[in-house]
Protein backbone atom coordinates (compact mmCIF):
# COMPACT_ATOMS: atom_id res chain seq x y z
CA MET A 1 -14.91 6.10 9.04
CA ASP A 2 -14.90 4.21 5.79
CA ILE A 3 -12.04 1.75 5.37
CA GLN A 4 -11.21 3.18 1.93
CA HIS A 5 -10.39 6.54 3.51
CA THR A 6 -7.76 4.79 5.61
CA LEU A 7 -6.50 2.03 3.36
CA VAL A 8 -5.94 4.02 0.15
CA PRO A 9 -3.67 6.73 1.68
CA LEU A 10 -1.75 4.08 3.60
CA ALA A 11 -1.18 1.99 0.47
CA LEU A 12 -0.18 5.12 -1.48
CA PHE A 13 2.34 6.08 1.20
CA LEU A 14 3.85 2.59 1.20
CA CYS A 15 4.13 2.52 -2.59
CA VAL A 16 5.77 5.95 -2.77
CA THR A 17 8.20 5.04 0.00
CA TYR A 18 9.18 1.78 -1.72
CA ALA A 19 9.62 3.55 -5.08
CA PHE A 20 11.81 6.21 -3.46
CA LYS A 21 14.01 3.56 -1.84
CA ALA A 22 14.32 1.66 -5.13
CA VAL A 23 15.39 4.81 -6.97
CA LEU A 24 17.97 5.66 -4.31
CA ASP A 25 19.41 2.13 -4.47
CA ALA A 26 19.64 2.34 -8.26
CA VAL A 27 21.39 5.74 -8.11
CA MET A 28 23.89 4.41 -5.57
CA ARG A 29 24.69 1.40 -7.73
CA GLU A 30 25.06 3.58 -10.82
CA ARG A 31 27.52 5.87 -9.01
CA LEU A 32 29.54 2.88 -7.88
CA LEU A 33 29.79 1.64 -11.45
CA LYS A 34 30.66 5.10 -12.83
CA GLU A 35 33.39 5.63 -10.26
CA ARG A 36 34.74 2.19 -11.06
CA ALA A 37 34.80 1.01 -7.49
CA SER A 38 36.90 -2.02 -6.81
CA GLU A 39 35.31 -5.41 -7.31
CA GLU A 40 35.81 -6.24 -3.64
CA THR A 41 33.88 -3.12 -2.59
CA ILE A 42 30.97 -3.95 -4.87
CA ASP A 43 30.95 -7.57 -3.65
CA LEU A 44 30.92 -6.41 -0.01
CA ILE A 45 28.02 -4.03 -0.67
CA LEU A 46 26.00 -6.67 -2.50
CA ALA A 47 26.71 -9.25 0.21
CA GLY A 48 25.58 -6.77 2.85
CA GLU A 49 22.36 -6.09 0.93
CA ARG A 50 21.71 -9.82 0.61
CA ALA A 51 22.22 -10.29 4.34
CA GLN A 52 19.87 -7.37 5.11
CA ARG A 53 17.16 -8.81 2.85
CA ARG A 54 17.53 -12.20 4.52
CA LEU A 55 17.26 -10.66 7.99
CA ALA A 56 14.25 -8.57 6.93
CA ALA A 57 12.52 -11.70 5.67
CA LEU A 58 13.33 -13.50 8.91
CA ARG A 59 11.99 -10.59 10.99
CA SER A 60 8.78 -10.39 8.95
CA GLY A 61 8.22 -14.13 9.15
CA ILE A 62 8.77 -14.31 12.89
CA LEU A 63 6.55 -11.30 13.58
CA LEU A 64 3.74 -12.58 11.38
CA VAL A 65 3.84 -15.99 13.06
CA PHE A 66 3.67 -14.47 16.54
CA ILE A 67 0.93 -12.00 15.58
CA ALA A 68 -1.04 -14.87 14.05
CA ALA A 69 -0.56 -16.79 17.29
CA GLY A 70 -1.85 -13.76 19.19
CA PHE A 71 -4.95 -13.56 16.98
CA GLY A 72 -5.43 -17.30 17.41
CA LEU A 73 -5.22 -16.93 21.18
CA VAL A 74 -7.79 -14.12 21.09
CA GLN A 75 -10.11 -16.31 18.99
CA TRP A 76 -9.56 -19.33 21.26
CA ILE A 77 -10.39 -17.29 24.35
CA GLY A 78 -13.56 -16.14 22.61
CA TRP A 79 -13.19 -12.38 22.82
CA GLN A 80 -15.56 -10.74 20.33
CA GLU A 81 -14.74 -7.08 20.86
CA ILE A 82 -11.59 -5.05 21.18
CA ASN A 83 -10.66 -4.51 24.81
CA ALA A 84 -7.50 -4.14 26.85
CA GLY A 85 -6.94 -7.90 26.92
CA VAL A 86 -7.02 -8.22 23.13
CA VAL A 87 -4.61 -5.32 22.71
CA ALA A 88 -2.32 -6.74 25.39
CA VAL A 89 -2.20 -10.16 23.72
CA LEU A 90 -1.41 -8.70 20.30
CA VAL A 91 1.20 -6.24 21.59
CA GLY A 92 2.74 -9.00 23.71
CA ALA A 93 2.89 -11.34 20.70
CA THR A 94 4.59 -8.63 18.66
CA GLY A 95 7.08 -7.97 21.46
CA ILE A 96 7.88 -11.66 21.81
CA GLY A 97 8.38 -11.85 18.05
CA HIS A 98 10.86 -8.98 18.18
CA LEU A 99 12.74 -10.60 21.06
CA VAL A 100 12.94 -13.94 19.23
CA PHE A 101 14.25 -12.15 16.13
CA TYR A 102 16.82 -10.28 18.23
CA ALA A 103 18.03 -13.52 19.80
CA LEU A 104 18.33 -15.25 16.42
CA ALA A 105 20.02 -12.27 14.75
CA ARG A 106 22.48 -11.89 17.60
CA ARG A 107 23.50 -15.55 17.37
CA ARG A 108 24.23 -15.14 13.66
CA PRO A 109 27.97 -15.10 12.90
């Protein structure tokens, strides 16, 4: 199968999903402003969004580092084709990345 037949629909799906989320966030903020929500409520919502963005960046960074380490391990071992060992190393690296993120997020006050 050609990579374009896989990559283009995947990229389109991601773009549409991101646009939909952005529109929903904008509508929610507009409703909050129209209803004249208290300043404390708006500050709490914005602080929560900031914290979520920070945690999402932390999760992405940790996962990418561990997946890169998994690919590096596969390269170091010298595997040239996809087999059960390659998949196990990459899935294990992803799992370890998730566990590290969970431990760091749980420690957060």
